[in-house]
Protein backbone atom coordinates (compact mmCIF):
# COMPACT_ATOMS: atom_id res chain seq x y z
CA MET A 1 0.00 0.00 0.00
CA ALA A 2 2.85 2.39 0.86
CA GLY A 3 4.46 1.64 -2.49
CA LEU A 4 1.26 2.49 -4.36
CA ASP A 5 0.93 5.72 -2.40
CA LYS A 6 4.48 6.77 -3.31
CA ALA A 7 3.88 5.89 -6.96
CA SER A 8 0.70 7.96 -6.95
CA LYS A 9 2.52 10.93 -5.45
CA LEU A 10 5.28 10.64 -8.04
CA ILE A 11 2.77 10.64 -10.89
CA GLN A 12 1.01 13.66 -9.41
CA ARG A 13 4.32 15.54 -9.13
CA VAL A 14 5.12 14.84 -12.78
CA ILE A 15 1.67 16.04 -13.84
CA LYS A 16 2.02 19.11 -11.62
CA ARG A 17 5.31 20.09 -13.24
CA ALA A 18 3.97 19.51 -16.76
CA PHE A 19 0.94 21.69 -16.02
CA ASP A 20 3.16 24.40 -14.51
CA ILE A 21 5.24 24.58 -17.69
CA LEU A 22 2.23 24.63 -20.02
CA ALA A 23 0.32 27.24 -18.01
CA ALA A 24 3.33 29.53 -17.59
CA PHE A 25 4.16 29.37 -21.29
CA LEU A 26 0.59 30.17 -22.33
CA VAL A 27 0.20 33.06 -19.87
CA LEU A 28 3.47 34.68 -20.90
CA ILE A 29 3.03 34.28 -24.66
CA VAL A 30 -0.72 34.75 -25.20
CA PHE A 31 -0.94 37.86 -23.03
CA LEU A 32 2.42 39.35 -24.06
CA PRO A 33 0.85 42.60 -25.43
CA ILE A 34 -0.77 43.22 -22.04
CA TRP A 35 2.50 42.68 -20.17
CA LEU A 36 4.25 45.13 -22.51
CA MET A 37 1.52 47.72 -21.89
CA ILE A 38 1.87 47.30 -18.13
CA ALA A 39 5.65 47.72 -18.39
CA ILE A 40 5.16 51.00 -20.26
CA LEU A 41 2.64 52.28 -17.69
CA ILE A 42 5.01 51.50 -14.82
CA LYS A 43 7.85 53.30 -16.56
CA VAL A 44 5.91 56.47 -17.41
CA THR A 45 4.04 56.84 -14.09
CA SER A 46 6.97 56.59 -11.65
CA PRO A 47 10.77 56.72 -11.73
CA GLY A 48 12.61 53.45 -11.44
CA PRO A 49 12.84 50.06 -13.16
CA VAL A 50 9.91 48.08 -14.53
CA PHE A 51 10.75 44.96 -12.53
CA PHE A 52 11.42 44.34 -8.86
CA ILE A 53 14.01 41.56 -8.49
CA GLN A 54 15.00 40.09 -5.14
CA GLU A 55 16.62 36.90 -3.87
CA ARG A 56 14.27 34.53 -2.09
CA PRO A 57 14.78 31.05 -0.57
CA GLY A 58 13.22 28.26 -2.59
CA PHE A 59 13.21 24.47 -2.50
CA HIS A 60 15.48 23.29 0.34
CA ARG A 61 16.65 26.89 0.96
CA LYS A 62 18.20 27.26 -2.50
CA LEU A 63 18.27 30.97 -3.32
CA PHE A 64 16.81 32.27 -6.57
CA LYS A 65 15.87 35.66 -7.99
CA VAL A 66 12.12 36.28 -7.94
CA PHE A 67 10.61 38.63 -10.54
CA LYS A 68 7.70 41.03 -10.03
CA PHE A 69 6.36 44.11 -11.74
CA ARG A 70 7.47 47.01 -9.55
CA THR A 71 4.50 48.40 -7.59
CA MET A 72 6.26 50.50 -4.96
CA LYS A 73 8.35 53.64 -4.94
CA ILE A 74 12.13 53.33 -5.06
CA GLY A 75 13.62 52.68 -1.60
CA SER A 76 10.50 50.93 -0.27
CA GLU A 77 11.90 47.41 -0.46
CA LYS A 78 12.93 47.26 3.22
CA MET A 79 10.18 45.40 5.07
CA VAL A 80 9.65 44.18 8.62
CA LYS A 81 8.70 40.54 9.12
CA GLY A 82 5.00 40.18 9.90
CA GLN A 83 4.23 43.76 8.88
CA GLU A 84 2.68 43.41 5.45
CA VAL A 85 2.13 46.04 2.79
CA MET A 86 -1.55 46.91 3.04
CA LYS A 87 -3.58 48.25 0.13
CA ASP A 88 -3.57 51.82 1.48
CA ASP A 89 0.22 51.94 1.96
CA ASN A 90 1.52 55.29 0.64
CA ARG A 91 4.67 53.61 -0.68
CA ILE A 92 2.63 51.97 -3.44
CA THR A 93 2.62 53.75 -6.80
CA SER A 94 -0.59 54.77 -8.56
CA ILE A 95 -0.44 51.94 -11.10
CA GLY A 96 0.94 49.65 -8.41
CA LYS A 97 -2.34 49.76 -6.44
CA PHE A 98 -4.20 48.36 -9.42
CA LEU A 99 -1.57 45.72 -10.18
CA ARG A 100 -1.46 44.49 -6.57
CA ARG A 101 -5.25 44.40 -6.27
CA ILE A 102 -5.65 42.00 -9.20
CA LYS A 103 -2.33 40.21 -8.55
CA ILE A 104 -0.89 41.01 -11.98
CA ASP A 105 2.33 42.22 -10.34
CA GLU A 106 3.15 38.53 -9.73
CA ILE A 107 2.85 37.53 -13.41
CA PRO A 108 6.63 37.84 -14.15
CA GLN A 109 7.08 34.94 -11.73
CA MET A 110 5.82 32.73 -14.54
CA LEU A 111 9.47 32.99 -15.66
CA ASN A 112 10.46 31.45 -12.33
CA VAL A 113 7.91 28.70 -12.94
CA LEU A 114 9.37 27.93 -16.37
CA LYS A 115 12.85 27.77 -14.85
CA GLY A 116 11.65 25.26 -12.26
CA GLU A 117 12.25 27.60 -9.33
CA MET A 118 8.54 28.02 -8.53
CA SER A 119 5.20 26.34 -9.10
CA LEU A 120 1.69 27.68 -9.65
CA ALA A 121 0.66 26.47 -6.18
CA GLY A 122 2.78 26.29 -3.05
CA PRO A 123 3.96 28.42 -0.11
CA ARG A 124 4.84 31.96 -1.16
CA PRO A 125 8.62 32.64 -1.16
CA GLU A 126 9.65 34.79 1.80
CA ARG A 127 12.58 37.16 2.21
CA VAL A 128 15.93 35.59 3.04
CA ALA A 129 16.02 37.34 6.42
CA SER A 130 12.95 35.34 7.52
CA LEU A 131 14.98 32.11 7.53
CA ALA A 132 16.71 33.14 10.75
CA ASP A 133 13.43 32.78 12.65
CA TYR A 134 12.34 29.44 11.18
CA THR A 135 11.65 26.59 13.57
CA GLU A 136 11.97 22.96 12.51
CA GLU A 137 8.22 22.92 11.84
CA ILE A 138 8.19 26.09 9.73
CA GLU A 139 11.22 24.82 7.82
CA LYS A 140 8.93 22.20 6.25
CA ARG A 141 7.44 24.88 3.99
CA LEU A 142 10.75 24.77 2.09
CA ASN A 143 10.30 21.09 1.21
CA VAL A 144 8.39 22.08 -1.93
CA ARG A 145 8.83 24.65 -4.66
CA PRO A 146 7.36 28.02 -3.62
CA GLY A 147 4.19 29.01 -5.46
CA LEU A 148 2.48 31.97 -7.08
CA THR A 149 -0.49 31.23 -4.86
CA GLY A 150 -1.07 29.00 -1.88
CA LEU A 151 -3.39 28.05 0.96
CA ALA A 152 -2.47 31.15 2.96
CA GLN A 153 -3.08 33.46 0.00
CA ILE A 154 -6.62 32.15 -0.52
CA SER A 155 -7.48 32.15 3.19
CA GLY A 156 -7.03 35.83 4.01
CA ASN A 157 -3.28 36.19 3.43
CA ILE A 158 -2.12 39.52 4.93
CA TYR A 159 -5.22 39.59 7.13
CA LEU A 160 -4.07 36.42 8.91
CA PRO A 161 -1.46 36.22 11.69
CA LEU A 162 1.93 35.12 10.37
CA GLU A 163 1.77 31.98 12.53
CA ASP A 164 -1.46 30.88 10.86
CA ARG A 165 0.00 31.45 7.40
CA TYR A 166 2.95 29.24 8.29
CA LYS A 167 0.59 26.53 9.53
CA LEU A 168 -1.28 26.61 6.24
CA ASP A 169 1.99 26.34 4.33
CA VAL A 170 3.04 23.31 6.36
CA TYR A 171 -0.38 21.75 5.86
CA TYR A 172 0.05 22.10 2.10
CA VAL A 173 3.44 20.38 2.18
CA GLU A 174 2.17 17.49 4.27
CA HIS A 175 -1.06 16.99 2.32
CA PHE A 176 -0.02 17.73 -1.25
CA SER A 177 -2.30 16.45 -4.00
CA LEU A 178 -3.36 17.63 -7.45
CA CYS A 179 -6.88 17.96 -6.10
CA LEU A 180 -5.68 20.43 -3.46
CA ASP A 181 -3.72 22.36 -6.11
CA ILE A 182 -6.83 22.64 -8.30
CA ARG A 183 -8.92 23.89 -5.37
CA ILE A 184 -6.27 26.49 -4.55
CA ILE A 185 -6.06 27.73 -8.14
CA PHE A 186 -9.84 28.01 -8.51
CA ARG A 187 -10.15 29.82 -5.16
CA THR A 188 -7.41 32.21 -6.31
CA VAL A 189 -9.71 33.42 -9.10
CA GLY A 190 -12.29 34.35 -6.48
CA VAL A 191 -9.67 36.15 -4.38
CA VAL A 192 -8.58 38.20 -7.39
CA LEU A 193 -12.18 39.17 -8.18
CA ARG A 194 -13.41 39.81 -4.63
CA GLY A 195 -10.30 40.64 -2.58
CA GLU A 196 -8.33 38.76 0.09
CA GLU A 197 -10.35 40.16 2.98
CA LYS A 198 -13.47 38.31 1.76
CA TYR A 199 -11.85 34.93 2.48
CA VAL A 200 -10.51 35.40 6.01
CA ASP A 201 -13.20 33.10 7.48
CA LYS A 202 -13.42 30.77 4.48
CA CYS A 203 -10.33 28.61 4.82
CA LEU A 204 -10.27 25.40 2.75
CA VAL A 205 -8.89 23.46 5.74
CA ASN A 206 -9.47 23.52 9.47
CA LEU A 207 -6.53 25.53 10.76
CA HIS A 208 -7.26 24.77 14.41
CA ASP A 209 -7.44 20.99 14.07
CA LYS A 210 -4.03 19.95 15.38
CA THR A 211 -4.31 16.50 13.80
CA LEU A 212 -4.04 18.12 10.38
CA PHE A 213 -0.43 19.05 10.95
CA ILE A 214 0.91 15.55 11.49
CA ALA A 215 2.96 14.57 8.44
CA LYS A 216 1.71 11.54 6.51
CA ASP A 217 5.23 10.61 5.36
CA ASN A 218 8.61 12.11 4.62
CA ASP A 219 8.02 12.66 0.91
CA THR A 220 8.74 16.05 -0.66
CA ILE A 221 7.93 17.52 -4.04
CA ASN A 222 10.97 17.71 -6.31
């Protein structure tokens, strides 16, 4: 039975990676004119580069450069752990407010997906400085590729305590399945349309059920 379970997980991982590549390629190519228009708007509405590039820890702590459309004023990249950028933050540029609201600022990360550094679904990549505060439990969130969206992002995200977001990330790692990925991706559409605050009390899993955070096995997603 254990052998069948491992084989099933392996097949799901292969399908997940194939879907990641196909989806990223289609999004980047089909909507290329829109991305070029956004790049122009960013450039003409505020001084600074079009892209925000920063090192983040990925699978098993391996560092990679994450790409985003720049949405904040130059010099605003210094953040404090647990203190998120809210939608009314005055460091956000005029076009940046729109891009952040509908999550288009994350689209350049499709390049990271194509390179195999990220996936469509998984824990969001944090800043390198956050690693210093990781416990053994939180460290589990690095046992998979980081994602463009994840359980925390569709469950309230910045409106949740950091501890709860970490718990959701660990839950994802320990209960990975294609079914869960599909549910996350579909819920993400609703979050984009309605806003993160609408999903604070609509988590896909029971965050307060301690039995959910017991690992099923030691498998990780490669």
